[in-house]
Amino acid sequence: MSHNQPEGYFKLKNKNIMKTTFKLSVVLIIFISACSPKINYIGNQYNPTSEVELFFDSKDIKREYTVMGFMQNEGREFANDPEDIKVALIEEAKKRGADAILFGDGYQELINSTDGIGFGEKIGNGDVLGLNSGFVNRVKVFKVKLIKYQ
């Protein structure tokens, strides 16, 4: 222990560092989760399928079918790549038991913004560690129909 530091200083400093590390970890987890597409679904559920066909016009579907449900991705700042969204939609359709996805009208582009998230922590002799961020971004939202062949 240093002769210049009061009793308990190192315990308090380590506790503050642990609290700050925890807060940074929470922010990082939130940030990372915002990077993958989130899919919302409403409709019927069937046994999972291993293959899903993609259609962009209902006239191209040559088999009898029913619409089993509707699905769309949430517009998220860092989950905006159309290819990543398509892969996420296909995986969700397989889980729901769809035979095909009808994309229909393409996508809608929305402006998405956040005011930010932030915190600060006093460390040691008055140093403050903090994080604050905000975003304004155009996001793509795909609204699709899930198809079940008869």
N, C-alpha and C. Protein backbone atom coordinates (compact mmCIF):
# COMPACT_ATOMS: atom_id res chain seq x y z
N MET A 1 0.83 -1.17 0.00
CA MET A 1 0.00 0.00 0.00
C MET A 1 0.88 1.24 0.00
N SER A 2 0.47 2.24 -0.72
CA SER A 2 1.24 3.48 -0.78
C SER A 2 1.07 4.26 0.52
N HIS A 3 2.13 4.94 0.92
CA HIS A 3 2.08 5.74 2.15
C HIS A 3 1.27 7.01 1.96
N ASN A 4 1.06 7.46 0.72
CA ASN A 4 0.35 8.71 0.46
C ASN A 4 -1.15 8.52 0.33
N GLN A 5 -1.61 7.30 0.20
CA GLN A 5 -3.03 7.04 -0.04
C GLN A 5 -3.73 6.68 1.26
N PRO A 6 -4.96 7.17 1.44
CA PRO A 6 -5.71 6.85 2.65
C PRO A 6 -6.12 5.37 2.66
N GLU A 7 -6.41 4.87 3.85
CA GLU A 7 -6.87 3.49 4.04
C GLU A 7 -8.12 3.26 3.19
N GLY A 8 -8.20 2.16 2.47
CA GLY A 8 -9.37 1.83 1.67
C GLY A 8 -9.38 2.46 0.29
N TYR A 9 -8.38 3.26 -0.05
CA TYR A 9 -8.35 3.95 -1.35
C TYR A 9 -8.36 2.96 -2.50
N PHE A 10 -7.52 1.91 -2.41
CA PHE A 10 -7.41 0.97 -3.51
C PHE A 10 -8.68 0.13 -3.67
N LYS A 11 -9.33 -0.20 -2.56
CA LYS A 11 -10.60 -0.92 -2.64
C LYS A 11 -11.64 -0.07 -3.35
N LEU A 12 -11.73 1.20 -3.00
CA LEU A 12 -12.69 2.12 -3.61
C LEU A 12 -12.36 2.31 -5.09
N LYS A 13 -11.09 2.49 -5.41
CA LYS A 13 -10.69 2.69 -6.80
C LYS A 13 -11.04 1.45 -7.63
N ASN A 14 -10.74 0.25 -7.12
CA ASN A 14 -11.07 -0.98 -7.84
C ASN A 14 -12.57 -1.14 -8.02
N LYS A 15 -13.34 -0.78 -7.00
CA LYS A 15 -14.80 -0.86 -7.08
C LYS A 15 -15.32 0.08 -8.17
N ASN A 16 -14.79 1.30 -8.23
CA ASN A 16 -15.20 2.25 -9.26
C ASN A 16 -14.84 1.76 -10.65
N ILE A 17 -13.66 1.18 -10.78
CA ILE A 17 -13.24 0.65 -12.08
C ILE A 17 -14.16 -0.50 -12.49
N MET A 18 -14.53 -1.37 -11.55
CA MET A 18 -15.43 -2.48 -11.86
C MET A 18 -16.81 -1.97 -12.28
N LYS A 19 -17.32 -0.94 -11.60
CA LYS A 19 -18.63 -0.38 -11.96
C LYS A 19 -18.56 0.22 -13.36
N THR A 20 -17.50 0.93 -13.66
CA THR A 20 -17.34 1.54 -14.98
C THR A 20 -17.22 0.46 -16.05
N THR A 21 -16.45 -0.58 -15.78
CA THR A 21 -16.30 -1.69 -16.73
C THR A 21 -17.64 -2.36 -16.98
N PHE A 22 -18.44 -2.55 -15.95
CA PHE A 22 -19.76 -3.15 -16.10
C PHE A 22 -20.64 -2.27 -16.99
N LYS A 23 -20.64 -0.96 -16.73
CA LYS A 23 -21.46 -0.05 -17.53
C LYS A 23 -21.02 -0.05 -18.99
N LEU A 24 -19.72 -0.03 -19.23
CA LEU A 24 -19.23 -0.09 -20.61
C LEU A 24 -19.62 -1.40 -21.28
N SER A 25 -19.61 -2.50 -20.53
CA SER A 25 -20.02 -3.80 -21.07
C SER A 25 -21.48 -3.78 -21.48
N VAL A 26 -22.33 -3.18 -20.66
CA VAL A 26 -23.76 -3.09 -20.98
C VAL A 26 -23.95 -2.28 -22.26
N VAL A 27 -23.28 -1.15 -22.37
CA VAL A 27 -23.39 -0.31 -23.57
C VAL A 27 -22.90 -1.09 -24.79
N LEU A 28 -21.80 -1.83 -24.65
CA LEU A 28 -21.27 -2.61 -25.76
C LEU A 28 -22.25 -3.70 -26.19
N ILE A 29 -22.88 -4.37 -25.24
CA ILE A 29 -23.87 -5.40 -25.57
C ILE A 29 -25.05 -4.78 -26.31
N ILE A 30 -25.52 -3.63 -25.85
CA ILE A 30 -26.62 -2.94 -26.54
C ILE A 30 -26.20 -2.58 -27.95
N PHE A 31 -25.00 -2.06 -28.10
CA PHE A 31 -24.49 -1.65 -29.41
C PHE A 31 -24.39 -2.84 -30.35
N ILE A 32 -23.84 -3.96 -29.87
CA ILE A 32 -23.69 -5.15 -30.70
C ILE A 32 -25.04 -5.73 -31.08
N SER A 33 -26.00 -5.74 -30.16
CA SER A 33 -27.32 -6.29 -30.48
C SER A 33 -28.03 -5.44 -31.52
N ALA A 34 -27.68 -4.18 -31.62
CA ALA A 34 -28.28 -3.30 -32.63
C ALA A 34 -27.70 -3.58 -34.01
N CYS A 35 -26.66 -4.39 -34.10
CA CYS A 35 -26.00 -4.66 -35.37
C CYS A 35 -26.61 -5.83 -36.13
N SER A 36 -27.49 -6.59 -35.52
CA SER A 36 -28.10 -7.71 -36.22
C SER A 36 -29.58 -7.42 -36.44
N PRO A 37 -30.09 -7.83 -37.62
CA PRO A 37 -31.50 -7.55 -37.91
C PRO A 37 -32.44 -8.24 -36.92
N LYS A 38 -33.46 -7.53 -36.48
CA LYS A 38 -34.51 -8.11 -35.62
C LYS A 38 -35.74 -8.28 -36.49
N ILE A 39 -36.35 -9.45 -36.43
CA ILE A 39 -37.48 -9.80 -37.28
C ILE A 39 -38.73 -9.93 -36.42
N ASN A 40 -39.82 -9.30 -36.87
CA ASN A 40 -41.13 -9.42 -36.22
C ASN A 40 -42.03 -10.26 -37.12
N TYR A 41 -42.83 -11.14 -36.51
CA TYR A 41 -43.69 -12.04 -37.28
C TYR A 41 -45.05 -12.13 -36.62
N ILE A 42 -46.08 -12.19 -37.47
CA ILE A 42 -47.42 -12.51 -37.00
C ILE A 42 -48.03 -13.48 -38.01
N GLY A 43 -48.58 -14.57 -37.48
CA GLY A 43 -49.19 -15.55 -38.36
C GLY A 43 -49.13 -16.94 -37.77
N ASN A 44 -49.36 -17.93 -38.63
CA ASN A 44 -49.37 -19.33 -38.22
C ASN A 44 -47.95 -19.88 -38.16
N GLN A 45 -47.81 -20.95 -37.40
CA GLN A 45 -46.51 -21.61 -37.27
C GLN A 45 -46.67 -23.07 -37.66
N TYR A 46 -45.68 -23.59 -38.41
CA TYR A 46 -45.65 -24.99 -38.83
C TYR A 46 -44.30 -25.58 -38.45
N ASN A 47 -44.13 -26.87 -38.76
CA ASN A 47 -42.82 -27.49 -38.52
C ASN A 47 -41.76 -26.77 -39.35
N PRO A 48 -40.57 -26.61 -38.80
CA PRO A 48 -39.50 -25.90 -39.53
C PRO A 48 -39.21 -26.55 -40.89
N THR A 49 -38.81 -25.72 -41.84
CA THR A 49 -38.43 -26.18 -43.17
C THR A 49 -36.93 -25.95 -43.36
N SER A 50 -36.35 -26.69 -44.31
CA SER A 50 -34.90 -26.55 -44.55
C SER A 50 -34.60 -25.65 -45.74
N GLU A 51 -35.57 -25.44 -46.60
CA GLU A 51 -35.38 -24.60 -47.80
C GLU A 51 -36.55 -23.63 -47.90
N VAL A 52 -36.26 -22.42 -48.35
CA VAL A 52 -37.30 -21.41 -48.57
C VAL A 52 -37.05 -20.78 -49.93
N GLU A 53 -38.09 -20.78 -50.78
CA GLU A 53 -37.98 -20.12 -52.08
C GLU A 53 -38.26 -18.63 -51.92
N LEU A 54 -37.67 -17.82 -52.80
CA LEU A 54 -37.88 -16.38 -52.78
C LEU A 54 -38.63 -15.96 -54.03
N PHE A 55 -39.68 -15.15 -53.83
CA PHE A 55 -40.44 -14.60 -54.94
C PHE A 55 -40.58 -13.10 -54.75
N PHE A 56 -40.61 -12.39 -55.88
CA PHE A 56 -40.75 -10.94 -55.83
C PHE A 56 -42.03 -10.48 -56.52
N ASP A 57 -42.78 -11.43 -57.09
CA ASP A 57 -44.07 -11.16 -57.71
C ASP A 57 -44.94 -12.39 -57.52
N SER A 58 -46.17 -12.22 -57.07
CA SER A 58 -47.05 -13.36 -56.80
C SER A 58 -47.36 -14.16 -58.06
N LYS A 59 -47.27 -13.54 -59.24
CA LYS A 59 -47.54 -14.24 -60.50
C LYS A 59 -46.49 -15.32 -60.78
N ASP A 60 -45.34 -15.21 -60.15
CA ASP A 60 -44.28 -16.19 -60.37
C ASP A 60 -44.46 -17.47 -59.55
N ILE A 61 -45.38 -17.46 -58.59
CA ILE A 61 -45.63 -18.65 -57.77
C ILE A 61 -46.58 -19.56 -58.54
N LYS A 62 -46.09 -20.73 -58.96
CA LYS A 62 -46.85 -21.62 -59.84
C LYS A 62 -47.64 -22.69 -59.08
N ARG A 63 -47.47 -22.79 -57.78
CA ARG A 63 -48.17 -23.80 -56.98
C ARG A 63 -49.30 -23.13 -56.19
N GLU A 64 -50.27 -23.95 -55.78
CA GLU A 64 -51.32 -23.46 -54.90
C GLU A 64 -50.71 -23.16 -53.54
N TYR A 65 -51.13 -22.07 -52.92
CA TYR A 65 -50.53 -21.69 -51.63
C TYR A 65 -51.52 -20.88 -50.81
N THR A 66 -51.18 -20.76 -49.55
CA THR A 66 -51.88 -19.83 -48.66
C THR A 66 -50.83 -18.92 -48.03
N VAL A 67 -51.27 -17.73 -47.66
CA VAL A 67 -50.39 -16.83 -46.92
C VAL A 67 -50.50 -17.23 -45.45
N MET A 68 -49.40 -17.67 -44.88
CA MET A 68 -49.42 -18.16 -43.49
C MET A 68 -49.11 -17.06 -42.48
N GLY A 69 -48.56 -15.93 -42.95
CA GLY A 69 -48.25 -14.86 -42.02
C GLY A 69 -47.50 -13.72 -42.68
N PHE A 70 -47.23 -12.70 -41.88
CA PHE A 70 -46.54 -11.50 -42.33
C PHE A 70 -45.31 -11.28 -41.46
N MET A 71 -44.25 -10.80 -42.09
CA MET A 71 -43.00 -10.63 -41.38
C MET A 71 -42.34 -9.34 -41.86
N GLN A 72 -41.64 -8.66 -40.95
CA GLN A 72 -40.85 -7.51 -41.35
C GLN A 72 -39.67 -7.35 -40.40
N ASN A 73 -38.63 -6.73 -40.92
CA ASN A 73 -37.48 -6.43 -40.07
C ASN A 73 -37.71 -5.08 -39.40
N GLU A 74 -37.11 -4.91 -38.23
CA GLU A 74 -37.13 -3.59 -37.59
C GLU A 74 -36.03 -2.76 -38.22
N GLY A 75 -36.32 -1.49 -38.45
CA GLY A 75 -35.28 -0.60 -38.96
C GLY A 75 -34.28 -0.30 -37.86
N ARG A 76 -33.05 -0.75 -38.02
CA ARG A 76 -32.00 -0.53 -37.02
C ARG A 76 -30.80 0.10 -37.70
N GLU A 77 -30.13 0.99 -36.97
CA GLU A 77 -29.04 1.77 -37.53
C GLU A 77 -27.94 0.92 -38.16
N PHE A 78 -27.51 -0.10 -37.46
CA PHE A 78 -26.35 -0.86 -37.92
C PHE A 78 -26.74 -2.22 -38.48
N ALA A 79 -28.02 -2.44 -38.71
CA ALA A 79 -28.50 -3.69 -39.31
C ALA A 79 -29.29 -3.32 -40.55
N ASN A 80 -28.62 -2.66 -41.48
CA ASN A 80 -29.30 -2.03 -42.59
C ASN A 80 -28.87 -2.58 -43.94
N ASP A 81 -28.00 -3.58 -43.96
CA ASP A 81 -27.55 -4.15 -45.21
C ASP A 81 -28.63 -5.08 -45.76
N PRO A 82 -29.12 -4.83 -47.00
CA PRO A 82 -30.21 -5.65 -47.55
C PRO A 82 -29.90 -7.15 -47.57
N GLU A 83 -28.65 -7.51 -47.84
CA GLU A 83 -28.29 -8.93 -47.88
C GLU A 83 -28.40 -9.57 -46.49
N ASP A 84 -27.94 -8.86 -45.46
CA ASP A 84 -28.05 -9.37 -44.09
C ASP A 84 -29.51 -9.49 -43.68
N ILE A 85 -30.33 -8.52 -44.07
CA ILE A 85 -31.76 -8.56 -43.75
C ILE A 85 -32.41 -9.75 -44.45
N LYS A 86 -32.06 -9.96 -45.74
CA LYS A 86 -32.62 -11.09 -46.49
C LYS A 86 -32.27 -12.41 -45.81
N VAL A 87 -31.03 -12.58 -45.40
CA VAL A 87 -30.60 -13.81 -44.72
C VAL A 87 -31.40 -14.01 -43.43
N ALA A 88 -31.58 -12.93 -42.66
CA ALA A 88 -32.34 -13.03 -41.40
C ALA A 88 -33.80 -13.38 -41.67
N LEU A 89 -34.40 -12.81 -42.72
CA LEU A 89 -35.79 -13.13 -43.08
C LEU A 89 -35.91 -14.60 -43.48
N ILE A 90 -34.96 -15.09 -44.26
CA ILE A 90 -34.98 -16.49 -44.69
C ILE A 90 -34.87 -17.43 -43.49
N GLU A 91 -33.96 -17.14 -42.58
CA GLU A 91 -33.79 -17.99 -41.39
C GLU A 91 -35.05 -18.00 -40.52
N GLU A 92 -35.66 -16.84 -40.36
CA GLU A 92 -36.90 -16.78 -39.57
C GLU A 92 -38.03 -17.53 -40.27
N ALA A 93 -38.11 -17.41 -41.60
CA ALA A 93 -39.14 -18.12 -42.37
C ALA A 93 -38.98 -19.63 -42.22
N LYS A 94 -37.74 -20.12 -42.25
CA LYS A 94 -37.49 -21.55 -42.04
C LYS A 94 -37.98 -21.99 -40.67
N LYS A 95 -37.67 -21.21 -39.64
CA LYS A 95 -38.09 -21.55 -38.27
C LYS A 95 -39.61 -21.61 -38.16
N ARG A 96 -40.30 -20.74 -38.89
CA ARG A 96 -41.77 -20.67 -38.83
C ARG A 96 -42.44 -21.73 -39.70
N GLY A 97 -41.67 -22.43 -40.55
CA GLY A 97 -42.23 -23.48 -41.38
C GLY A 97 -42.72 -23.02 -42.73
N ALA A 98 -42.22 -21.90 -43.22
CA ALA A 98 -42.65 -21.38 -44.53
C ALA A 98 -41.98 -22.16 -45.65
N ASP A 99 -42.68 -22.24 -46.79
CA ASP A 99 -42.10 -22.83 -48.00
C ASP A 99 -41.50 -21.75 -48.90
N ALA A 100 -42.00 -20.52 -48.77
CA ALA A 100 -41.51 -19.43 -49.63
C ALA A 100 -41.74 -18.09 -48.95
N ILE A 101 -41.03 -17.09 -49.46
CA ILE A 101 -41.21 -15.70 -49.03
C ILE A 101 -41.59 -14.89 -50.26
N LEU A 102 -42.65 -14.09 -50.13
CA LEU A 102 -43.05 -13.17 -51.19
C LEU A 102 -42.66 -11.76 -50.75
N PHE A 103 -41.66 -11.19 -51.43
CA PHE A 103 -41.17 -9.87 -51.05
C PHE A 103 -42.10 -8.76 -51.53
N GLY A 104 -42.78 -8.94 -52.64
CA GLY A 104 -43.78 -7.96 -53.07
C GLY A 104 -43.22 -6.60 -53.45
N ASP A 105 -43.47 -5.59 -52.62
CA ASP A 105 -43.20 -4.20 -52.98
C ASP A 105 -41.80 -3.71 -52.63
N GLY A 106 -40.85 -4.56 -52.44
CA GLY A 106 -39.50 -4.11 -52.11
C GLY A 106 -39.40 -3.70 -50.66
N TYR A 107 -38.87 -2.50 -50.42
CA TYR A 107 -38.70 -2.05 -49.05
C TYR A 107 -39.11 -0.60 -48.90
N GLN A 108 -39.31 -0.23 -47.66
CA GLN A 108 -39.63 1.15 -47.31
C GLN A 108 -38.40 1.72 -46.61
N GLU A 109 -38.03 2.94 -46.96
CA GLU A 109 -36.88 3.56 -46.30
C GLU A 109 -37.39 4.57 -45.29
N LEU A 110 -36.93 4.43 -44.06
CA LEU A 110 -37.34 5.30 -42.97
C LEU A 110 -36.13 6.02 -42.41
N ILE A 111 -36.37 7.16 -41.77
CA ILE A 111 -35.30 7.84 -41.06
C ILE A 111 -35.42 7.44 -39.60
N ASN A 112 -34.35 6.91 -39.07
CA ASN A 112 -34.32 6.41 -37.70
C ASN A 112 -33.31 7.23 -36.92
N SER A 113 -33.66 7.65 -35.71
CA SER A 113 -32.71 8.42 -34.92
C SER A 113 -32.83 8.05 -33.44
N THR A 114 -31.74 8.25 -32.73
CA THR A 114 -31.74 8.09 -31.28
C THR A 114 -31.12 9.33 -30.68
N ASP A 115 -31.60 9.71 -29.53
CA ASP A 115 -31.04 10.87 -28.85
C ASP A 115 -29.71 10.53 -28.20
N GLY A 116 -29.50 9.29 -27.88
CA GLY A 116 -28.21 8.88 -27.32
C GLY A 116 -28.35 8.18 -25.99
N ILE A 117 -27.27 7.61 -25.60
CA ILE A 117 -27.18 6.95 -24.31
C ILE A 117 -25.86 7.40 -23.70
N GLY A 118 -25.86 7.68 -22.44
CA GLY A 118 -24.61 8.17 -21.86
C GLY A 118 -24.55 7.98 -20.36
N PHE A 119 -23.35 8.01 -19.84
CA PHE A 119 -23.12 7.95 -18.41
C PHE A 119 -21.72 8.47 -18.14
N GLY A 120 -21.46 8.80 -16.90
CA GLY A 120 -20.13 9.22 -16.49
C GLY A 120 -19.82 8.65 -15.12
N GLU A 121 -18.57 8.47 -14.84
CA GLU A 121 -18.15 7.88 -13.56
C GLU A 121 -16.89 8.60 -13.10
N LYS A 122 -16.91 9.08 -11.86
CA LYS A 122 -15.74 9.72 -11.29
C LYS A 122 -14.75 8.65 -10.85
N ILE A 123 -13.51 8.80 -11.29
CA ILE A 123 -12.48 7.82 -10.95
C ILE A 123 -11.33 8.55 -10.27
N GLY A 124 -10.89 8.03 -9.16
CA GLY A 124 -9.70 8.57 -8.51
C GLY A 124 -9.86 10.01 -8.08
N ASN A 125 -8.93 10.83 -8.51
CA ASN A 125 -8.85 12.23 -8.07
C ASN A 125 -9.69 13.17 -8.92
N GLY A 126 -10.78 12.71 -9.45
CA GLY A 126 -11.66 13.61 -10.17
C GLY A 126 -11.71 13.38 -11.67
N ASP A 127 -10.97 12.38 -12.19
CA ASP A 127 -11.09 12.07 -13.61
C ASP A 127 -12.48 11.51 -13.85
N VAL A 128 -13.09 11.87 -14.98
CA VAL A 128 -14.43 11.38 -15.31
C VAL A 128 -14.34 10.60 -16.61
N LEU A 129 -14.84 9.37 -16.58
CA LEU A 129 -14.92 8.55 -17.77
C LEU A 129 -16.37 8.53 -18.20
N GLY A 130 -16.64 8.83 -19.46
CA GLY A 130 -18.03 8.88 -19.90
C GLY A 130 -18.18 8.45 -21.34
N LEU A 131 -19.41 8.19 -21.73
CA LEU A 131 -19.73 7.79 -23.08
C LEU A 131 -21.10 8.35 -23.42
N ASN A 132 -21.22 8.93 -24.59
CA ASN A 132 -22.50 9.45 -25.05
C ASN A 132 -22.50 9.37 -26.57
N SER A 133 -23.60 8.93 -27.14
CA SER A 133 -23.68 8.86 -28.60
C SER A 133 -25.12 9.01 -29.05
N GLY A 134 -25.30 9.43 -30.28
CA GLY A 134 -26.60 9.55 -30.89
C GLY A 134 -26.47 9.29 -32.39
N PHE A 135 -27.56 8.88 -33.03
CA PHE A 135 -27.49 8.51 -34.43
C PHE A 135 -28.70 9.04 -35.19
N VAL A 136 -28.50 9.39 -36.44
CA VAL A 136 -29.57 9.64 -37.39
C VAL A 136 -29.18 8.84 -38.62
N ASN A 137 -30.09 7.99 -39.09
CA ASN A 137 -29.73 7.07 -40.16
C ASN A 137 -30.97 6.71 -40.96
N ARG A 138 -30.76 6.46 -42.24
CA ARG A 138 -31.83 5.93 -43.08
C ARG A 138 -31.80 4.41 -42.96
N VAL A 139 -32.95 3.81 -42.72
CA VAL A 139 -33.01 2.36 -42.54
C VAL A 139 -34.02 1.77 -43.52
N LYS A 140 -33.76 0.52 -43.90
CA LYS A 140 -34.63 -0.19 -44.84
C LYS A 140 -35.50 -1.18 -44.06
N VAL A 141 -36.80 -1.14 -44.33
CA VAL A 141 -37.75 -2.06 -43.70
C VAL A 141 -38.42 -2.86 -44.81
N PHE A 142 -38.21 -4.17 -44.78
CA PHE A 142 -38.82 -5.08 -45.75
C PHE A 142 -40.06 -5.70 -45.12
N LYS A 143 -41.19 -5.60 -45.80
CA LYS A 143 -42.43 -6.24 -45.36
C LYS A 143 -42.71 -7.37 -46.33
N VAL A 144 -42.78 -8.60 -45.80
CA VAL A 144 -42.93 -9.77 -46.66
C VAL A 144 -44.08 -10.65 -46.19
N LYS A 145 -44.53 -11.51 -47.11
CA LYS A 145 -45.54 -12.52 -46.78
C LYS A 145 -44.86 -13.88 -46.76
N LEU A 146 -45.25 -14.70 -45.79
CA LEU A 146 -44.75 -16.07 -45.75
C LEU A 146 -45.78 -16.98 -46.41
N ILE A 147 -45.29 -17.85 -47.26
CA ILE A 147 -46.12 -18.71 -48.10
C ILE A 147 -46.00 -20.15 -47.63
N LYS A 148 -47.15 -20.84 -47.57
CA LYS A 148 -47.19 -22.28 -47.29
C LYS A 148 -47.88 -22.94 -48.47
N TYR A 149 -47.18 -23.89 -49.12
CA TYR A 149 -47.78 -24.60 -50.25
C TYR A 149 -48.85 -25.56 -49.75
N GLN A 150 -49.88 -25.76 -50.59
CA GLN A 150 -50.96 -26.69 -50.23
C GLN A 150 -50.70 -28.07 -50.78
